[in-house]
Protein backbone atom coordinates (compact mmCIF):
# COMPACT_ATOMS: atom_id res chain seq x y z
CA MET A 1 54.05 66.77 75.61
CA ALA A 2 52.75 69.60 77.74
CA THR A 3 55.28 71.94 79.38
CA TYR A 4 53.19 72.58 82.46
CA CYS A 5 50.73 70.50 84.56
CA ALA A 6 48.23 72.59 86.53
CA LEU A 7 46.47 71.18 89.57
CA ILE A 8 43.36 73.34 90.25
CA PRO A 9 41.60 72.81 93.57
CA GLY A 10 38.16 74.40 93.46
CA ILE A 11 37.73 73.60 89.82
CA THR A 12 33.88 73.70 90.08
CA GLY A 13 33.88 77.36 91.18
CA THR A 14 33.66 80.36 88.93
CA VAL A 15 37.36 81.10 88.77
CA GLY A 16 38.57 77.50 88.88
CA ARG A 17 36.30 76.39 86.05
CA ALA A 18 37.17 79.33 83.86
CA LEU A 19 40.90 78.74 84.50
CA ALA A 20 40.64 75.08 83.61
CA ARG A 21 38.58 75.87 80.51
CA TYR A 22 41.22 78.35 79.31
CA LEU A 23 44.23 76.14 80.05
CA ALA A 24 42.61 73.15 78.40
CA THR A 25 42.78 75.08 75.10
CA ARG A 26 46.52 75.64 75.50
CA PRO A 27 48.82 72.89 74.18
CA GLU A 28 51.53 73.75 76.74
CA TRP A 29 49.19 72.93 79.65
CA GLU A 30 47.85 69.71 81.17
CA VAL A 31 44.98 70.17 83.65
CA ILE A 32 43.95 68.17 86.70
CA GLY A 33 41.10 69.34 88.89
CA ILE A 34 40.19 68.65 92.52
CA ALA A 35 36.59 68.97 93.78
CA ARG A 36 34.56 67.47 96.54
CA ARG A 37 31.94 66.43 93.98
CA PRO A 38 32.53 65.98 90.24
CA PRO A 39 31.40 68.74 87.91
CA ARG A 40 27.88 68.48 86.52
CA THR A 41 28.93 69.35 82.99
CA PRO A 42 31.31 67.43 80.66
CA HIS A 43 34.97 68.35 80.93
CA PRO A 44 38.11 67.39 78.89
CA TYR A 45 40.38 66.92 81.93
CA PRO A 46 40.46 64.60 84.89
CA VAL A 47 38.83 65.77 88.17
CA ILE A 48 39.96 64.12 91.40
CA CYS A 49 37.27 63.86 94.08
CA ALA A 50 38.77 64.76 97.44
CA ASP A 51 37.71 66.57 100.57
CA LEU A 52 40.27 69.39 101.12
CA THR A 53 39.29 69.75 104.74
CA ASP A 54 40.47 66.16 105.36
CA ALA A 55 44.28 65.69 105.14
CA GLU A 56 43.88 61.94 104.63
CA SER A 57 41.42 62.42 101.78
CA CYS A 58 44.04 64.57 99.99
CA HIS A 59 46.96 62.27 100.82
CA ALA A 60 45.07 59.25 99.47
CA ARG A 61 45.21 60.83 96.02
CA LYS A 62 48.93 61.60 96.17
CA GLY A 63 49.66 59.32 93.27
CA ASP A 64 47.60 61.46 90.96
CA PHE A 65 49.73 64.61 91.48
CA THR A 66 53.25 63.41 90.57
CA ARG A 67 53.30 65.41 87.29
CA VAL A 68 52.13 68.75 88.79
CA THR A 69 54.28 71.76 88.11
CA HIS A 70 51.78 74.43 89.08
CA LEU A 71 49.33 74.47 91.96
CA LEU A 72 46.72 77.06 91.03
CA TYR A 73 44.58 77.21 94.18
CA CYS A 74 41.01 78.47 93.68
CA ALA A 75 39.14 76.71 96.47
CA ARG A 76 37.26 78.24 99.42
CA ALA A 77 35.60 76.91 102.48
CA SER A 78 32.17 78.22 101.60
CA HIS A 79 30.42 79.75 98.61
CA ILE A 80 28.39 81.93 100.90
CA ALA A 81 29.53 85.57 100.78
CA SER A 82 30.24 86.91 104.23
CA ILE A 83 32.45 89.41 105.97
CA LYS A 84 34.08 86.93 108.31
CA GLU A 85 34.94 83.85 106.27
CA PRO A 86 36.49 80.97 108.29
CA ILE A 87 40.23 81.61 108.52
CA GLU A 88 41.28 78.26 109.96
CA ASP A 89 39.17 76.21 107.57
CA ASN A 90 40.55 77.99 104.52
CA LEU A 91 44.14 77.83 105.86
CA ASN A 92 43.85 74.10 106.59
CA MET A 93 42.46 73.31 103.11
CA LEU A 94 45.42 74.99 101.44
CA ARG A 95 47.85 73.37 103.82
CA ASN A 96 46.39 69.88 103.17
CA VAL A 97 46.72 70.25 99.40
CA LEU A 98 50.20 71.80 99.62
CA ASP A 99 51.43 69.05 101.97
CA THR A 100 50.25 66.42 99.48
CA VAL A 101 51.59 68.11 96.35
CA GLU A 102 54.96 68.93 97.84
CA SER A 103 55.40 65.24 98.81
CA ALA A 104 54.31 63.96 95.43
CA ALA A 105 55.40 66.44 92.76
CA ALA A 106 59.15 66.58 92.36
CA SER A 107 58.86 69.20 89.56
CA LEU A 108 56.60 71.65 91.44
CA ARG A 109 57.57 75.15 90.23
CA HIS A 110 54.85 77.53 91.34
CA VAL A 111 51.97 78.00 93.77
CA HIS A 112 49.34 80.59 92.93
CA ILE A 113 46.61 81.53 95.41
CA LEU A 114 43.39 83.49 94.67
CA GLN A 115 42.68 86.45 96.85
CA GLY A 116 40.41 89.45 96.43
CA SER A 117 39.88 93.11 97.44
CA LYS A 118 39.02 92.01 101.02
CA VAL A 119 42.84 92.10 101.35
CA TYR A 120 42.38 95.88 101.44
CA GLY A 121 39.39 95.93 103.74
CA SER A 122 36.78 96.46 101.09
CA ASP A 123 34.34 94.43 103.19
CA LEU A 124 34.84 96.50 106.26
CA GLY A 125 33.83 99.93 105.03
CA PRO A 126 35.35 102.83 103.10
CA TYR A 127 39.05 102.05 102.34
CA LYS A 128 41.93 103.69 100.55
CA THR A 129 41.30 103.69 96.79
CA PRO A 130 42.64 102.91 94.29
CA ALA A 131 44.05 100.12 96.35
CA LYS A 132 47.65 99.17 95.58
CA GLU A 133 49.40 95.91 96.22
CA SER A 134 51.95 97.77 98.39
CA ASP A 135 49.23 99.04 100.78
CA PRO A 136 49.62 97.83 104.36
CA ARG A 137 47.31 95.19 105.66
CA VAL A 138 44.20 96.33 107.46
CA ALA A 139 43.81 95.76 111.21
CA ASP A 140 41.32 92.93 110.93
CA ASN A 141 42.79 89.54 110.04
CA ASN A 142 41.38 87.49 107.17
CA TRP A 143 41.97 84.18 105.42
CA TYR A 144 43.82 85.81 102.55
CA TYR A 145 46.57 86.94 104.93
CA ALA A 146 46.79 83.44 106.51
CA GLN A 147 47.13 81.67 103.16
CA GLU A 148 49.68 84.15 101.86
CA ASP A 149 51.79 83.82 105.05
CA LEU A 150 51.72 80.05 104.62
CA VAL A 151 52.94 80.01 101.02
CA VAL A 152 55.58 82.69 101.74
CA GLU A 153 56.94 80.61 104.66
CA ARG A 154 56.75 77.28 102.81
CA SER A 155 58.49 78.59 99.73
CA GLN A 156 61.65 79.55 101.60
CA GLY A 157 64.47 77.43 100.37
CA LYS A 158 62.27 75.56 98.00
CA PRO A 159 62.52 75.30 94.19
CA TRP A 160 58.99 76.69 93.76
CA ARG A 161 57.84 80.25 93.89
CA TRP A 162 54.43 81.72 94.76
CA SER A 163 52.10 84.49 93.52
CA ALA A 164 48.60 85.82 94.24
CA SER A 165 45.90 87.46 92.08
CA ARG A 166 43.40 89.90 93.62
CA PRO A 167 40.23 90.13 91.43
CA HIS A 168 36.84 91.68 92.23
CA GLY A 169 33.37 91.01 90.98
CA VAL A 170 34.05 88.01 88.76
CA SER A 171 31.61 87.49 85.90
CA ASP A 172 31.41 84.55 83.45
CA ASN A 173 29.31 83.81 80.42
CA GLU A 174 28.85 80.17 81.23
CA PRO A 175 26.40 78.86 83.88
CA GLY A 176 26.79 76.17 86.54
CA VAL A 177 28.29 78.39 89.25
CA ALA A 178 25.87 80.52 91.28
CA ARG A 179 28.50 82.95 92.54
CA ASN A 180 28.63 84.70 89.23
CA MET A 181 27.80 88.40 88.78
CA ALA A 182 26.18 88.06 85.32
CA LEU A 183 24.04 85.03 86.20
CA MET A 184 22.96 86.71 89.47
CA ILE A 185 21.79 89.78 87.55
CA GLY A 186 19.95 87.63 85.05
CA VAL A 187 18.10 85.54 87.61
CA TYR A 188 17.13 88.59 89.60
CA ALA A 189 15.82 90.38 86.47
CA ALA A 190 13.89 87.35 85.31
CA ILE A 191 12.15 86.99 88.65
CA SER A 192 11.36 90.73 88.80
CA LYS A 193 9.89 90.64 85.27
CA GLU A 194 7.82 87.59 85.97
CA LEU A 195 6.32 89.44 88.96
CA ASN A 196 5.49 92.40 86.73
CA GLN A 197 7.96 94.65 88.48
CA PRO A 198 10.39 97.13 86.90
CA LEU A 199 14.09 96.48 87.22
CA CYS A 200 14.79 98.19 90.53
CA PHE A 201 18.29 98.37 91.91
CA PRO A 202 18.15 96.36 95.11
CA GLY A 203 21.30 97.87 96.69
CA SER A 204 21.81 101.09 98.65
CA PRO A 205 21.57 104.54 97.07
CA GLY A 206 25.20 105.16 97.78
CA ASN A 207 26.18 101.88 96.05
CA PHE A 208 24.11 102.82 93.00
CA LYS A 209 26.34 105.85 92.41
CA ALA A 210 29.64 104.53 93.75
CA LEU A 211 32.51 103.32 91.56
CA TYR A 212 32.63 99.60 90.98
CA GLN A 213 35.02 97.24 89.33
CA SER A 214 34.72 93.77 87.88
CA VAL A 215 36.73 91.19 85.93
CA ASP A 216 35.81 88.76 83.21
CA ALA A 217 36.45 85.15 84.24
CA GLU A 218 38.47 84.36 81.11
CA LEU A 219 40.58 87.47 81.38
CA LEU A 220 41.33 86.53 84.98
CA ALA A 221 42.24 83.06 83.88
CA LYS A 222 44.66 84.42 81.28
CA ALA A 223 46.23 86.65 83.99
CA ILE A 224 46.73 83.81 86.44
CA ALA A 225 48.39 81.65 83.79
CA TRP A 226 50.62 84.52 82.76
CA ILE A 227 51.57 85.56 86.29
CA SER A 228 52.33 81.90 87.24
CA THR A 229 54.70 81.38 84.35
CA THR A 230 56.45 84.74 84.24
CA PRO A 231 59.66 84.64 86.36
CA ALA A 232 59.55 88.40 87.04
CA CYS A 233 56.15 87.98 88.79
CA ALA A 234 57.47 85.50 91.35
CA ASP A 235 56.73 86.12 95.02
CA GLN A 236 54.29 88.93 94.40
CA ALA A 237 50.61 89.75 94.40
CA PHE A 238 48.76 91.51 91.55
CA ASN A 239 45.40 93.25 91.32
CA VAL A 240 43.49 91.83 88.35
CA THR A 241 40.39 93.60 86.98
CA ASN A 242 39.08 94.56 83.55
CA GLY A 243 41.02 97.81 83.97
CA ASP A 244 38.04 100.23 84.06
CA TYR A 245 35.34 101.25 86.52
CA ILE A 246 31.52 101.51 86.26
CA ARG A 247 28.71 103.06 88.22
CA TRP A 248 25.58 100.92 88.43
CA VAL A 249 23.41 104.07 87.91
CA ASN A 250 24.89 104.32 84.43
CA LEU A 251 24.62 100.65 83.52
CA TRP A 252 21.22 99.84 85.04
CA PRO A 253 19.11 101.34 82.15
CA ALA A 254 21.06 99.25 79.61
CA LEU A 255 20.39 96.14 81.75
CA ALA A 256 16.69 96.95 81.94
CA ASP A 257 16.62 97.42 78.17
CA PHE A 258 18.25 94.07 77.67
CA PHE A 259 15.45 92.34 79.55
CA GLY A 260 12.71 94.48 77.98
CA MET A 261 11.89 96.09 81.32
CA GLU A 262 11.26 99.54 82.70
CA THR A 263 14.08 100.95 84.77
CA GLY A 264 12.88 101.10 88.34
CA PRO A 265 14.07 103.23 91.30
CA VAL A 266 16.56 102.25 93.98
CA ASN A 267 14.62 99.84 96.27
CA THR A 268 17.04 98.82 98.97
CA VAL A 269 16.39 95.27 100.20
CA SER A 270 18.34 92.28 101.35
CA LEU A 271 17.96 89.77 98.49
CA VAL A 272 18.78 86.97 100.99
CA GLY A 273 15.41 87.63 102.59
CA THR A 274 13.46 88.94 99.60
CA MET A 275 14.42 86.04 97.33
CA ALA A 276 14.08 83.31 99.95
CA ASP A 277 10.53 82.33 98.81
CA LYS A 278 10.99 82.77 95.04
CA ALA A 279 11.81 79.21 94.08
CA PRO A 280 8.25 78.60 92.70
CA VAL A 281 8.57 81.76 90.57
CA TRP A 282 11.94 80.55 89.22
CA ASP A 283 10.50 77.10 88.45
CA ARG A 284 7.63 78.75 86.61
CA ILE A 285 10.12 80.86 84.53
CA VAL A 286 12.15 77.72 83.66
CA ARG A 287 8.98 75.94 82.34
CA LYS A 288 7.57 79.07 80.62
CA TYR A 289 10.69 79.79 78.59
CA ALA A 290 11.94 76.14 78.23
CA LEU A 291 15.15 77.01 80.06
CA ARG A 292 17.70 74.42 81.11
CA PRO A 293 16.47 72.99 84.42
CA THR A 294 18.56 74.74 87.06
CA PRO A 295 17.48 74.22 90.70
CA TYR A 296 16.73 77.51 92.35
CA GLU A 297 19.40 77.08 95.05
CA GLN A 298 22.00 76.70 92.25
CA ALA A 299 20.76 79.66 90.25
CA ALA A 300 22.21 82.50 92.35
CA VAL A 301 23.90 83.24 95.62
CA TRP A 302 21.92 86.08 97.05
CA SER A 303 24.34 86.75 99.87
CA TYR A 304 26.88 87.56 97.17
CA ALA A 305 24.41 90.12 95.73
CA ASP A 306 23.94 91.71 99.17
CA PHE A 307 27.66 91.74 99.65
CA ASN A 308 28.19 93.59 96.39
CA TRP A 309 25.22 95.93 96.41
CA LEU A 310 24.59 97.03 100.00
CA ARG A 311 27.81 98.82 100.66
CA ASP A 312 28.11 102.52 99.78
CA HIS A 313 31.80 102.97 99.19
CA ASP A 314 33.91 102.83 95.98
CA LYS A 315 35.52 99.57 95.02
CA MET A 316 38.74 100.42 93.10
CA SER A 317 41.94 98.48 92.61
CA ASP A 318 44.95 99.92 90.85
CA THR A 319 46.18 97.57 88.10
CA ILE A 320 49.20 99.56 86.98
CA LYS A 321 51.60 97.03 88.53
CA LEU A 322 50.17 94.26 86.36
CA ARG A 323 50.32 96.42 83.23
CA GLN A 324 53.86 97.50 83.83
CA SER A 325 54.85 93.88 84.41
CA GLY A 326 53.72 93.07 80.88
CA PHE A 327 50.11 91.85 81.05
CA HIS A 328 47.93 94.19 78.95
CA ASP A 329 44.62 92.46 78.40
CA CYS A 330 41.64 94.61 79.33
CA MET A 331 37.85 94.75 78.76
CA ASP A 332 34.97 97.20 78.79
CA THR A 333 32.99 96.16 81.97
CA SER A 334 29.63 97.39 80.80
CA ARG A 335 30.03 95.57 77.48
CA MET A 336 31.18 92.44 79.43
CA PHE A 337 27.95 92.23 81.45
CA LEU A 338 25.77 92.63 78.39
CA ASP A 339 27.82 90.10 76.35
CA ASN A 340 27.75 87.57 79.21
CA LEU A 341 24.01 87.97 79.64
CA LYS A 342 23.50 87.52 75.87
CA ARG A 343 25.49 84.27 75.98
CA LEU A 344 23.54 83.04 79.03
CA ARG A 345 20.29 83.73 77.12
CA GLN A 346 21.49 82.04 73.90
CA GLU A 347 22.29 78.91 75.97
CA ARG A 348 18.85 79.03 77.61
CA TRP A 349 20.01 79.57 81.21
CA ILE A 350 18.03 82.83 81.55
CA PRO A 351 15.05 84.16 79.46
């Protein structure tokens, strides 16, 4: 019998899927997913179809959640990267799930929410770095604050505790989720190469040289599981990254070499606009290299690329709190990107 039962809303997203994939290999965990639509790929755990924006849709599945001990919340209102993500929509989605789980799961022990470096104002311009969990909130409100306030308030006097993880630049070596740094790079490079272009950096000159951080999806999944089952981590937030920093200017030649391309100059563009008409090019690439048939709109989220590459300032989170608490997994970020791309190529998702 499993010791824990994880309910993972947002199980079809980059983090939710990696978390479910990891927990499914652990004998102490049972996994239940929630998604608006079922995953496109086979999965060894049940996935409940429900609309988190609809309280009745959640409540109707109440009977499926009686065994839940851990609510590991990875859902978001939109996969489109933007500065101002909808606060009320994201808050209501969490509230609807929490209402249902609290009423159904007598053994609920922990609620974990997924945040990010927007907590520190990384989306608003230059901010204090390396960012620490103890830093004060920035002046602008965001949905991370609203969700954290909700779980803090709801946990008062309850037998369950809460925690939060704050990753940045999540990358995975499996496809199926467009909001994925490695896949985004691979699709961009493939299109550039097909058009006989060098691998130009599409972001700003300042971003090309700024410090950047990332986290491997499986490392993040391990951290979330560890934080959520370690009593000393209760009622706290933790930055979670690979533990190092990169500059794109240093990594870009290695990426170009991986794809057999010349390293191009910085060519600042909005990929949302530049890539809007490239579906025929991608379809040609899929046929030419006998890739798995991935619709262009599911291949990459270009707004996420713009969000990551058009801002000039450093992105740095301090992870010493996580290390001192006892979680020591780390990873070389440059190696991570190359290894993830290699796996995506082996599985015929990119050429």
